[in-house]
């Protein structure tokens, strides 16, 4: 354990830069505890609080700008792919879209304090066309608040943090094992949350081929597009009704409870569509199914898109 603490003391800034960069790129490796610990070790290290602050903010800005440019180049399709590399529930995309539509770039001020929000919000900012200077300004301020709070807490509770590190150092290899065990439990908990979330949303799906056949009949199903407004503007399944901000009440007024309802999104495991389907079923709708593969599968199959 002493060896690990010596590494943090000597190469703390490099360690912080790598940890923050990796976390903000989407890996489930918490950087906030690292910032707090390195701030608590300022008296034992050869770096200053100002240097720690600049390094942390710089790493976050680099990762966020990379996601911003990715979103700007590939549009909304990058959001679904982003959640595939995250252990956070897939609903993070839709939740982030809802928050960003309401508050705009200002939501970046608190993005890093909300698990699963930061990288998605950065990609979304690029996808919806937020100006670069606005993104950089608000993201820089948000990163400064996030890193600054960690440095402040590390300095404020320096004695408590160093006492804890001393205990881990005395434990030697068992201290390292304890830290590794805590990290493993954190990953396991995130994985279990995702597993339970997906299990809850399991239900019958309909394929794009089946939906296309039903649209050709005399009694086509009601189709609901639960994607964000920006994604809907790129094209929808012909006849689809737009659902904005989960306003189910307005749609249910014009829908028969016995009608067949098909919902689709552009998200992993059709999560957003399945969530809305659950809500409809609680209101008495029995014939409700998400579309397997969502809009991406519909487009890939070559079916007509309405713009």
C-alpha atoms as a PDB file:
ATOM      1  CA  UNK A   1       0.000   0.000   0.000  1.00  0.00           C
ATOM      2  CA  UNK A   2       2.911   2.368   0.720  1.00  0.00           C
ATOM      3  CA  UNK A   3       4.090   1.824  -2.854  1.00  0.00           C
ATOM      4  CA  UNK A   4       0.673   2.900  -4.182  1.00  0.00           C
ATOM      5  CA  UNK A   5       0.620   6.007  -2.000  1.00  0.00           C
ATOM      6  CA  UNK A   6       4.152   6.911  -3.146  1.00  0.00           C
ATOM      7  CA  UNK A   7       2.986   6.659  -6.763  1.00  0.00           C
ATOM      8  CA  UNK A   8       0.067   8.991  -6.053  1.00  0.00           C
ATOM      9  CA  UNK A   9       2.336  11.437  -4.255  1.00  0.00           C
ATOM     10  CA  UNK A  10       4.955  11.473  -7.051  1.00  0.00           C
ATOM     11  CA  UNK A  11       2.756  11.056 -10.124  1.00  0.00           C
ATOM     12  CA  UNK A  12      -0.516  12.401  -8.749  1.00  0.00           C
ATOM     13  CA  UNK A  13      -1.142  14.848 -11.585  1.00  0.00           C
ATOM     14  CA  UNK A  14      -0.571  12.235 -14.282  1.00  0.00           C
ATOM     15  CA  UNK A  15      -2.764   9.770 -12.383  1.00  0.00           C
ATOM     16  CA  UNK A  16      -5.523  12.374 -12.035  1.00  0.00           C
ATOM     17  CA  UNK A  17      -5.327  13.317 -15.708  1.00  0.00           C
ATOM     18  CA  UNK A  18      -5.640   9.680 -16.835  1.00  0.00           C
ATOM     19  CA  UNK A  19      -8.434   8.850 -14.364  1.00  0.00           C
ATOM     20  CA  UNK A  20     -10.548  11.907 -15.215  1.00  0.00           C
ATOM     21  CA  UNK A  21     -10.011  11.459 -18.944  1.00  0.00           C
ATOM     22  CA  UNK A  22     -10.994   7.776 -18.879  1.00  0.00           C
ATOM     23  CA  UNK A  23     -14.056   8.362 -16.721  1.00  0.00           C
ATOM     24  CA  UNK A  24     -15.335  11.250 -18.837  1.00  0.00           C
ATOM     25  CA  UNK A  25     -14.882   9.126 -21.956  1.00  0.00           C
ATOM     26  CA  UNK A  26     -17.405   6.707 -20.481  1.00  0.00           C
ATOM     27  CA  UNK A  27     -15.479   4.080 -18.496  1.00  0.00           C
ATOM     28  CA  UNK A  28     -16.936   3.155 -15.059  1.00  0.00           C
ATOM     29  CA  UNK A  29     -13.809   4.298 -13.194  1.00  0.00           C
ATOM     30  CA  UNK A  30     -14.788   6.982 -10.633  1.00  0.00           C
ATOM     31  CA  UNK A  31     -12.429   9.975 -10.706  1.00  0.00           C
ATOM     32  CA  UNK A  32     -13.972  12.070  -7.944  1.00  0.00           C
ATOM     33  CA  UNK A  33     -12.432   9.975  -5.113  1.00  0.00           C
ATOM     34  CA  UNK A  34      -9.051  10.281  -6.849  1.00  0.00           C
ATOM     35  CA  UNK A  35      -9.376  14.058  -6.911  1.00  0.00           C
ATOM     36  CA  UNK A  36     -10.302  14.136  -3.217  1.00  0.00           C
ATOM     37  CA  UNK A  37      -7.378  11.889  -2.224  1.00  0.00           C
ATOM     38  CA  UNK A  38      -4.799  13.760  -4.294  1.00  0.00           C
ATOM     39  CA  UNK A  39      -6.046  17.039  -2.817  1.00  0.00           C
ATOM     40  CA  UNK A  40      -5.690  15.600   0.693  1.00  0.00           C
ATOM     41  CA  UNK A  41      -2.061  14.642  -0.092  1.00  0.00           C
ATOM     42  CA  UNK A  42      -1.021  18.123  -1.240  1.00  0.00           C
ATOM     43  CA  UNK A  43       1.325  18.555   1.752  1.00  0.00           C
ATOM     44  CA  UNK A  44       3.186  15.342   0.840  1.00  0.00           C
ATOM     45  CA  UNK A  45       3.349  15.905  -2.921  1.00  0.00           C
ATOM     46  CA  UNK A  46       5.298  18.139  -5.263  1.00  0.00           C
ATOM     47  CA  UNK A  47       2.235  19.612  -6.968  1.00  0.00           C
ATOM     48  CA  UNK A  48       0.008  22.528  -5.961  1.00  0.00           C
ATOM     49  CA  UNK A  49      -3.753  22.808  -5.612  1.00  0.00           C
ATOM     50  CA  UNK A  50      -3.805  25.107  -8.651  1.00  0.00           C
ATOM     51  CA  UNK A  51      -1.943  22.543 -10.780  1.00  0.00           C
ATOM     52  CA  UNK A  52      -4.293  19.780  -9.626  1.00  0.00           C
ATOM     53  CA  UNK A  53      -7.281  21.955 -10.491  1.00  0.00           C
ATOM     54  CA  UNK A  54      -5.989  22.825 -13.979  1.00  0.00           C
ATOM     55  CA  UNK A  55      -5.078  19.205 -14.789  1.00  0.00           C
ATOM     56  CA  UNK A  56      -8.480  17.899 -13.676  1.00  0.00           C
ATOM     57  CA  UNK A  57     -10.419  20.540 -15.604  1.00  0.00           C
ATOM     58  CA  UNK A  58      -8.221  20.090 -18.682  1.00  0.00           C
ATOM     59  CA  UNK A  59      -8.715  16.314 -18.793  1.00  0.00           C
ATOM     60  CA  UNK A  60     -12.479  16.671 -18.423  1.00  0.00           C
ATOM     61  CA  UNK A  61     -12.643  19.308 -21.159  1.00  0.00           C
ATOM     62  CA  UNK A  62     -10.608  17.171 -23.577  1.00  0.00           C
ATOM     63  CA  UNK A  63     -12.885  14.140 -23.100  1.00  0.00           C
ATOM     64  CA  UNK A  64     -16.072  16.197 -23.274  1.00  0.00           C
ATOM     65  CA  UNK A  65     -14.997  18.005 -26.418  1.00  0.00           C
ATOM     66  CA  UNK A  66     -14.209  14.653 -28.043  1.00  0.00           C
ATOM     67  CA  UNK A  67     -17.795  13.527 -27.328  1.00  0.00           C
ATOM     68  CA  UNK A  68     -19.116  16.890 -28.529  1.00  0.00           C
ATOM     69  CA  UNK A  69     -17.350  16.538 -31.883  1.00  0.00           C
ATOM     70  CA  UNK A  70     -18.485  12.907 -32.161  1.00  0.00           C
ATOM     71  CA  UNK A  71     -22.094  13.972 -31.634  1.00  0.00           C
ATOM     72  CA  UNK A  72     -21.704  16.793 -34.102  1.00  0.00           C
ATOM     73  CA  UNK A  73     -20.354  14.444 -36.774  1.00  0.00           C
ATOM     74  CA  UNK A  74     -22.591  11.393 -36.290  1.00  0.00           C
ATOM     75  CA  UNK A  75     -25.719  12.993 -34.830  1.00  0.00           C
ATOM     76  CA  UNK A  76     -28.223  11.232 -32.590  1.00  0.00           C
ATOM     77  CA  UNK A  77     -27.048   7.741 -33.579  1.00  0.00           C
ATOM     78  CA  UNK A  78     -23.997   8.130 -31.342  1.00  0.00           C
ATOM     79  CA  UNK A  79     -26.187   8.424 -28.226  1.00  0.00           C
ATOM     80  CA  UNK A  80     -27.448   4.851 -28.398  1.00  0.00           C
ATOM     81  CA  UNK A  81     -23.936   3.550 -28.974  1.00  0.00           C
ATOM     82  CA  UNK A  82     -22.657   5.584 -26.033  1.00  0.00           C
ATOM     83  CA  UNK A  83     -24.986   3.843 -23.576  1.00  0.00           C
ATOM     84  CA  UNK A  84     -23.771   0.455 -24.785  1.00  0.00           C
ATOM     85  CA  UNK A  85     -20.351   1.126 -23.234  1.00  0.00           C
ATOM     86  CA  UNK A  86     -21.838   2.402 -19.988  1.00  0.00           C
ATOM     87  CA  UNK A  87     -22.953   0.390 -16.970  1.00  0.00           C
ATOM     88  CA  UNK A  88     -25.650   2.989 -16.345  1.00  0.00           C
ATOM     89  CA  UNK A  89     -29.207   2.061 -17.368  1.00  0.00           C
ATOM     90  CA  UNK A  90     -29.947   2.721 -21.044  1.00  0.00           C
ATOM     91  CA  UNK A  91     -32.617   5.224 -20.061  1.00  0.00           C
ATOM     92  CA  UNK A  92     -29.803   7.711 -19.389  1.00  0.00           C
ATOM     93  CA  UNK A  93     -30.032   8.820 -23.042  1.00  0.00           C
ATOM     94  CA  UNK A  94     -33.686   9.779 -22.871  1.00  0.00           C
ATOM     95  CA  UNK A  95     -33.340  11.379 -19.421  1.00  0.00           C
ATOM     96  CA  UNK A  96     -30.382  13.436 -20.624  1.00  0.00           C
ATOM     97  CA  UNK A  97     -32.277  14.518 -23.738  1.00  0.00           C
ATOM     98  CA  UNK A  98     -35.183  15.672 -21.595  1.00  0.00           C
ATOM     99  CA  UNK A  99     -32.940  17.681 -19.237  1.00  0.00           C
ATOM    100  CA  UNK A 100     -30.887  19.183 -22.069  1.00  0.00           C
ATOM    101  CA  UNK A 101     -33.994  20.234 -24.024  1.00  0.00           C
ATOM    102  CA  UNK A 102     -35.319  22.031 -20.938  1.00  0.00           C
ATOM    103  CA  UNK A 103     -32.158  23.809 -19.746  1.00  0.00           C
ATOM    104  CA  UNK A 104     -29.917  23.793 -22.823  1.00  0.00           C
ATOM    105  CA  UNK A 105     -26.124  24.240 -22.449  1.00  0.00           C
ATOM    106  CA  UNK A 106     -26.628  25.465 -18.875  1.00  0.00           C
ATOM    107  CA  UNK A 107     -27.310  21.830 -17.862  1.00  0.00           C
ATOM    108  CA  UNK A 108     -23.593  21.187 -18.424  1.00  0.00           C
ATOM    109  CA  UNK A 109     -22.914  23.122 -15.213  1.00  0.00           C
ATOM    110  CA  UNK A 110     -24.145  20.165 -13.143  1.00  0.00           C
ATOM    111  CA  UNK A 111     -23.640  17.345 -15.667  1.00  0.00           C
ATOM    112  CA  UNK A 112     -20.607  15.863 -13.915  1.00  0.00           C
ATOM    113  CA  UNK A 113     -22.430  15.562 -10.608  1.00  0.00           C
ATOM    114  CA  UNK A 114     -25.066  13.264 -12.184  1.00  0.00           C
ATOM    115  CA  UNK A 115     -23.908   9.672 -12.906  1.00  0.00           C
ATOM    116  CA  UNK A 116     -24.172   8.764 -16.585  1.00  0.00           C
ATOM    117  CA  UNK A 117     -25.009  12.338 -17.636  1.00  0.00           C
ATOM    118  CA  UNK A 118     -21.712  14.007 -18.550  1.00  0.00           C
ATOM    119  CA  UNK A 119     -20.591  12.098 -21.655  1.00  0.00           C
ATOM    120  CA  UNK A 120     -24.155  11.736 -22.969  1.00  0.00           C
ATOM    121  CA  UNK A 121     -24.805  15.459 -22.500  1.00  0.00           C
ATOM    122  CA  UNK A 122     -21.590  16.352 -24.351  1.00  0.00           C
ATOM    123  CA  UNK A 123     -22.476  14.113 -27.303  1.00  0.00           C
ATOM    124  CA  UNK A 124     -26.035  15.445 -27.292  1.00  0.00           C
ATOM    125  CA  UNK A 125     -24.773  19.036 -27.333  1.00  0.00           C
ATOM    126  CA  UNK A 126     -22.918  18.284 -30.553  1.00  0.00           C
ATOM    127  CA  UNK A 127     -25.838  16.313 -32.041  1.00  0.00           C
ATOM    128  CA  UNK A 128     -28.360  19.141 -31.542  1.00  0.00           C
ATOM    129  CA  UNK A 129     -25.988  21.774 -32.943  1.00  0.00           C
ATOM    130  CA  UNK A 130     -25.007  23.688 -29.816  1.00  0.00           C
ATOM    131  CA  UNK A 131     -22.434  26.301 -30.781  1.00  0.00           C
ATOM    132  CA  UNK A 132     -18.868  25.365 -29.929  1.00  0.00           C
ATOM    133  CA  UNK A 133     -18.207  28.478 -27.852  1.00  0.00           C
ATOM    134  CA  UNK A 134     -21.356  27.878 -25.790  1.00  0.00           C
ATOM    135  CA  UNK A 135     -20.418  24.271 -25.178  1.00  0.00           C
ATOM    136  CA  UNK A 136     -16.848  25.095 -24.183  1.00  0.00           C
ATOM    137  CA  UNK A 137     -17.954  27.917 -21.874  1.00  0.00           C
ATOM    138  CA  UNK A 138     -20.571  25.950 -19.935  1.00  0.00           C
ATOM    139  CA  UNK A 139     -18.580  22.721 -19.951  1.00  0.00           C
ATOM    140  CA  UNK A 140     -15.509  24.566 -18.661  1.00  0.00           C
ATOM    141  CA  UNK A 141     -17.540  26.121 -15.843  1.00  0.00           C
ATOM    142  CA  UNK A 142     -19.133  22.750 -15.037  1.00  0.00           C
ATOM    143  CA  UNK A 143     -15.749  21.020 -14.941  1.00  0.00           C
ATOM    144  CA  UNK A 144     -14.377  23.801 -12.733  1.00  0.00           C
ATOM    145  CA  UNK A 145     -17.244  23.339 -10.250  1.00  0.00           C
ATOM    146  CA  UNK A 146     -16.783  19.564 -10.224  1.00  0.00           C
ATOM    147  CA  UNK A 147     -12.990  19.542  -9.824  1.00  0.00           C
ATOM    148  CA  UNK A 148     -13.025  22.545  -7.499  1.00  0.00           C
ATOM    149  CA  UNK A 149     -15.490  20.889  -5.115  1.00  0.00           C
ATOM    150  CA  UNK A 150     -13.332  17.742  -4.975  1.00  0.00           C
ATOM    151  CA  UNK A 151     -10.169  19.735  -4.258  1.00  0.00           C
ATOM    152  CA  UNK A 152     -12.002  21.737  -1.590  1.00  0.00           C
ATOM    153  CA  UNK A 153     -13.355  18.602   0.118  1.00  0.00           C
ATOM    154  CA  UNK A 154      -9.958  16.915  -0.019  1.00  0.00           C
ATOM    155  CA  UNK A 155      -8.324  19.930   1.620  1.00  0.00           C
ATOM    156  CA  UNK A 156     -11.129  20.346   4.168  1.00  0.00           C
ATOM    157  CA  UNK A 157     -11.084  16.713   5.287  1.00  0.00           C
ATOM    158  CA  UNK A 158      -7.334  16.236   4.837  1.00  0.00           C
ATOM    159  CA  UNK A 159      -6.775  14.721   8.266  1.00  0.00           C
ATOM    160  CA  UNK A 160      -9.639  12.231   7.902  1.00  0.00           C
ATOM    161  CA  UNK A 161      -8.467  11.136   4.443  1.00  0.00           C
ATOM    162  CA  UNK A 162      -4.836  10.777   5.495  1.00  0.00           C
ATOM    163  CA  UNK A 163      -5.872   8.791   8.602  1.00  0.00           C
ATOM    164  CA  UNK A 164      -7.809   6.414   6.358  1.00  0.00           C
ATOM    165  CA  UNK A 165      -4.824   6.091   4.019  1.00  0.00           C
ATOM    166  CA  UNK A 166      -2.555   5.396   6.995  1.00  0.00           C
ATOM    167  CA  UNK A 167      -4.857   2.564   8.090  1.00  0.00           C
ATOM    168  CA  UNK A 168      -4.805   1.104   4.577  1.00  0.00           C
ATOM    169  CA  UNK A 169      -1.016   1.450   4.490  1.00  0.00           C
ATOM    170  CA  UNK A 170      -0.705  -0.441   7.782  1.00  0.00           C
ATOM    171  CA  UNK A 171      -2.803  -3.229   6.317  1.00  0.00           C
ATOM    172  CA  UNK A 172      -0.244  -3.624   3.524  1.00  0.00           C
ATOM    173  CA  UNK A 173      -1.369  -5.977   0.768  1.00  0.00           C
ATOM    174  CA  UNK A 174      -4.668  -6.425   2.566  1.00  0.00           C
ATOM    175  CA  UNK A 175      -5.262  -2.717   2.172  1.00  0.00           C
ATOM    176  CA  UNK A 176      -4.852  -3.029  -1.585  1.00  0.00           C
ATOM    177  CA  UNK A 177      -7.142  -6.058  -1.528  1.00  0.00           C
ATOM    178  CA  UNK A 178      -9.755  -4.050   0.376  1.00  0.00           C
ATOM    179  CA  UNK A 179      -9.652  -1.192  -2.143  1.00  0.00           C
ATOM    180  CA  UNK A 180      -9.888  -3.688  -5.015  1.00  0.00           C
ATOM    181  CA  UNK A 181     -12.835  -5.416  -3.318  1.00  0.00           C
ATOM    182  CA  UNK A 182     -14.701  -2.115  -2.898  1.00  0.00           C
ATOM    183  CA  UNK A 183     -14.143  -1.265  -6.551  1.00  0.00           C
ATOM    184  CA  UNK A 184     -15.296  -4.747  -7.617  1.00  0.00           C
ATOM    185  CA  UNK A 185     -18.446  -4.378  -5.515  1.00  0.00           C
ATOM    186  CA  UNK A 186     -19.114  -1.000  -7.142  1.00  0.00           C
ATOM    187  CA  UNK A 187     -18.898  -2.538 -10.640  1.00  0.00           C
ATOM    188  CA  UNK A 188     -21.025  -5.501  -9.568  1.00  0.00           C
ATOM    189  CA  UNK A 189     -23.695  -3.196  -8.147  1.00  0.00           C
ATOM    190  CA  UNK A 190     -23.831  -1.169 -11.377  1.00  0.00           C
ATOM    191  CA  UNK A 191     -24.038  -4.349 -13.430  1.00  0.00           C
ATOM    192  CA  UNK A 192     -26.823  -5.746 -11.248  1.00  0.00           C
ATOM    193  CA  UNK A 193     -28.803  -2.500 -11.499  1.00  0.00           C
ATOM    194  CA  UNK A 194     -28.587  -2.689 -15.291  1.00  0.00           C
ATOM    195  CA  UNK A 195     -29.494  -6.395 -15.318  1.00  0.00           C
ATOM    196  CA  UNK A 196     -32.526  -5.862 -13.061  1.00  0.00           C
ATOM    197  CA  UNK A 197     -33.594  -2.841 -15.125  1.00  0.00           C
ATOM    198  CA  UNK A 198     -33.504  -4.784 -18.394  1.00  0.00           C
ATOM    199  CA  UNK A 199     -35.239  -7.800 -16.834  1.00  0.00           C
ATOM    200  CA  UNK A 200     -38.095  -5.572 -15.694  1.00  0.00           C
ATOM    201  CA  UNK A 201     -38.621  -4.326 -19.252  1.00  0.00           C
ATOM    202  CA  UNK A 202     -38.778  -7.738 -20.921  1.00  0.00           C
ATOM    203  CA  UNK A 203     -41.927  -8.084 -23.016  1.00  0.00           C
ATOM    204  CA  UNK A 204     -43.091  -9.271 -26.422  1.00  0.00           C
ATOM    205  CA  UNK A 205     -41.632  -7.360 -29.372  1.00  0.00           C
ATOM    206  CA  UNK A 206     -42.674  -6.959 -32.991  1.00  0.00           C
ATOM    207  CA  UNK A 207     -40.210  -7.154 -35.895  1.00  0.00           C
ATOM    208  CA  UNK A 208     -39.930  -4.511 -38.597  1.00  0.00           C
ATOM    209  CA  UNK A 209     -41.151  -7.047 -41.169  1.00  0.00           C
ATOM    210  CA  UNK A 210     -44.290  -7.778 -39.146  1.00  0.00           C
ATOM    211  CA  UNK A 211     -44.951  -4.073 -38.677  1.00  0.00           C
ATOM    212  CA  UNK A 212     -44.588  -3.407 -42.403  1.00  0.00           C
ATOM    213  CA  UNK A 213     -47.161  -6.130 -43.134  1.00  0.00           C
ATOM    214  CA  UNK A 214     -49.578  -4.708 -40.570  1.00  0.00           C
ATOM    215  CA  UNK A 215     -49.314  -1.239 -42.091  1.00  0.00           C
ATOM    216  CA  UNK A 216     -50.635  -2.655 -45.352  1.00  0.00           C
ATOM    217  CA  UNK A 217     -53.814  -4.027 -43.754  1.00  0.00           C
ATOM    218  CA  UNK A 218     -57.183  -2.275 -43.393  1.00  0.00           C
ATOM    219  CA  UNK A 219     -56.639  -1.815 -39.650  1.00  0.00           C
ATOM    220  CA  UNK A 220     -53.022  -0.681 -39.137  1.00  0.00           C
ATOM    221  CA  UNK A 221     -51.724  -0.324 -35.558  1.00  0.00           C
ATOM    222  CA  UNK A 222     -51.166   2.940 -33.765  1.00  0.00           C
ATOM    223  CA  UNK A 223     -47.448   3.758 -34.008  1.00  0.00           C
ATOM    224  CA  UNK A 224     -45.798   6.016 -31.441  1.00  0.00           C
ATOM    225  CA  UNK A 225     -42.340   7.553 -31.850  1.00  0.00           C
ATOM    226  CA  UNK A 226     -40.826   8.073 -28.385  1.00  0.00           C
ATOM    227  CA  UNK A 227     -37.517   9.541 -29.601  1.00  0.00           C
ATOM    228  CA  UNK A 228     -36.377  13.103 -29.014  1.00  0.00           C
ATOM    229  CA  UNK A 229     -37.595  15.901 -31.248  1.00  0.00           C
ATOM    230  CA  UNK A 230     -34.189  16.248 -32.913  1.00  0.00           C
ATOM    231  CA  UNK A 231     -34.188  12.557 -33.849  1.00  0.00           C
ATOM    232  CA  UNK A 232     -37.766  12.725 -35.132  1.00  0.00           C
ATOM    233  CA  UNK A 233     -36.863  15.571 -37.467  1.00  0.00           C
ATOM    234  CA  UNK A 234     -34.528  13.229 -39.357  1.00  0.00           C
ATOM    235  CA  UNK A 235     -37.468  10.994 -40.287  1.00  0.00           C
ATOM    236  CA  UNK A 236     -40.190   8.802 -38.811  1.00  0.00           C
ATOM    237  CA  UNK A 237     -42.078   5.634 -39.668  1.00  0.00           C
ATOM    238  CA  UNK A 238     -45.050   6.688 -41.849  1.00  0.00           C
ATOM    239  CA  UNK A 239     -48.071   7.607 -39.747  1.00  0.00           C
ATOM    240  CA  UNK A 240     -46.189   7.574 -36.442  1.00  0.00           C
ATOM    241  CA  UNK A 241     -47.403   9.855 -33.675  1.00  0.00           C
ATOM    242  CA  UNK A 242     -44.765  11.906 -31.865  1.00  0.00           C
ATOM    243  CA  UNK A 243     -44.486  11.566 -28.123  1.00  0.00           C
ATOM    244  CA  UNK A 244     -42.745  14.559 -26.587  1.00  0.00           C
ATOM    245  CA  UNK A 245     -41.778  14.733 -22.910  1.00  0.00           C
ATOM    246  CA  UNK A 246     -43.736  11.559 -22.086  1.00  0.00           C
ATOM    247  CA  UNK A 247     -47.086  13.335 -22.572  1.00  0.00           C
ATOM    248  CA  UNK A 248     -49.124  10.137 -22.707  1.00  0.00           C
ATOM    249  CA  UNK A 249     -52.355  11.786 -21.631  1.00  0.00           C
ATOM    250  CA  UNK A 250     -52.766  13.728 -24.867  1.00  0.00           C
ATOM    251  CA  UNK A 251     -52.222  10.589 -26.948  1.00  0.00           C
ATOM    252  CA  UNK A 252     -54.492   8.315 -24.930  1.00  0.00           C
ATOM    253  CA  UNK A 253     -57.450  10.648 -25.472  1.00  0.00           C
ATOM    254  CA  UNK A 254     -57.504   9.630 -29.150  1.00  0.00           C
ATOM    255  CA  UNK A 255     -56.578   5.950 -28.677  1.00  0.00           C
ATOM    256  CA  UNK A 256     -58.949   3.056 -28.121  1.00  0.00           C
ATOM    257  CA  UNK A 257     -57.910   0.842 -25.209  1.00  0.00           C
ATOM    258  CA  UNK A 258     -58.294  -2.207 -27.483  1.00  0.00           C
ATOM    259  CA  UNK A 259     -56.109  -0.752 -30.233  1.00  0.00           C
ATOM    260  CA  UNK A 260     -52.789  -2.369 -31.087  1.00  0.00           C
ATOM    261  CA  UNK A 261     -50.007   0.054 -30.202  1.00  0.00           C
ATOM    262  CA  UNK A 262     -46.427  -0.168 -31.484  1.00  0.00           C
ATOM    263  CA  UNK A 263     -43.725   2.007 -29.946  1.00  0.00           C
ATOM    264  CA  UNK A 264     -40.208   2.567 -31.192  1.00  0.00           C
ATOM    265  CA  UNK A 265     -37.057   4.453 -30.261  1.00  0.00           C
ATOM    266  CA  UNK A 266     -33.366   4.472 -31.192  1.00  0.00           C
ATOM    267  CA  UNK A 267     -31.881   3.060 -28.021  1.00  0.00           C
ATOM    268  CA  UNK A 268     -30.276  -0.195 -26.866  1.00  0.00           C
ATOM    269  CA  UNK A 269     -32.783  -2.945 -26.004  1.00  0.00           C
ATOM    270  CA  UNK A 270     -35.680  -0.657 -26.990  1.00  0.00           C
ATOM    271  CA  UNK A 271     -35.573   0.657 -23.424  1.00  0.00           C
ATOM    272  CA  UNK A 272     -37.376   3.970 -23.951  1.00  0.00           C
ATOM    273  CA  UNK A 273     -40.121   2.288 -25.977  1.00  0.00           C
ATOM    274  CA  UNK A 274     -40.491  -0.477 -23.372  1.00  0.00           C
ATOM    275  CA  UNK A 275     -40.754   2.068 -20.548  1.00  0.00           C
ATOM    276  CA  UNK A 276     -43.571   3.918 -22.288  1.00  0.00           C
ATOM    277  CA  UNK A 277     -45.209   0.581 -23.134  1.00  0.00           C
ATOM    278  CA  UNK A 278     -45.252  -0.292 -19.430  1.00  0.00           C
ATOM    279  CA  UNK A 279     -46.991   2.997 -18.658  1.00  0.00           C
ATOM    280  CA  UNK A 280     -49.634   2.353 -21.316  1.00  0.00           C
ATOM    281  CA  UNK A 281     -50.257  -1.150 -19.975  1.00  0.00           C
ATOM    282  CA  UNK A 282     -50.844   0.291 -16.509  1.00  0.00           C
ATOM    283  CA  UNK A 283     -53.539   2.499 -18.069  1.00  0.00           C
ATOM    284  CA  UNK A 284     -55.390  -0.510 -19.454  1.00  0.00           C
ATOM    285  CA  UNK A 285     -53.779  -0.969 -22.879  1.00  0.00           C
ATOM    286  CA  UNK A 286     -53.164  -4.682 -23.443  1.00  0.00           C
ATOM    287  CA  UNK A 287     -51.938  -4.897 -27.037  1.00  0.00           C
ATOM    288  CA  UNK A 288     -48.722  -2.897 -26.670  1.00  0.00           C
ATOM    289  CA  UNK A 289     -45.355  -3.915 -28.107  1.00  0.00           C
ATOM    290  CA  UNK A 290     -41.995  -2.198 -28.720  1.00  0.00           C
ATOM    291  CA  UNK A 291     -40.420  -2.484 -32.179  1.00  0.00           C
ATOM    292  CA  UNK A 292     -37.329  -4.712 -32.168  1.00  0.00           C
ATOM    293  CA  UNK A 293     -34.301  -2.662 -33.214  1.00  0.00           C
ATOM    294  CA  UNK A 294     -36.333   0.541 -33.303  1.00  0.00           C
ATOM    295  CA  UNK A 295     -35.870   3.137 -35.997  1.00  0.00           C
ATOM    296  CA  UNK A 296     -32.380   1.897 -36.820  1.00  0.00           C
ATOM    297  CA  UNK A 297     -33.734  -1.556 -37.771  1.00  0.00           C
ATOM    298  CA  UNK A 298     -36.548   0.011 -39.820  1.00  0.00           C
ATOM    299  CA  UNK A 299     -34.106   2.131 -41.826  1.00  0.00           C
ATOM    300  CA  UNK A 300     -31.627  -0.729 -42.210  1.00  0.00           C
ATOM    301  CA  UNK A 301     -34.395  -2.915 -43.687  1.00  0.00           C
ATOM    302  CA  UNK A 302     -35.012  -0.299 -46.365  1.00  0.00           C
ATOM    303  CA  UNK A 303     -38.589   0.580 -45.432  1.00  0.00           C
ATOM    304  CA  UNK A 304     -40.145   3.957 -46.153  1.00  0.00           C
ATOM    305  CA  UNK A 305     -39.306   6.905 -43.914  1.00  0.00           C
ATOM    306  CA  UNK A 306     -41.591   9.910 -43.553  1.00  0.00           C
ATOM    307  CA  UNK A 307     -39.990  13.329 -43.156  1.00  0.00           C
END
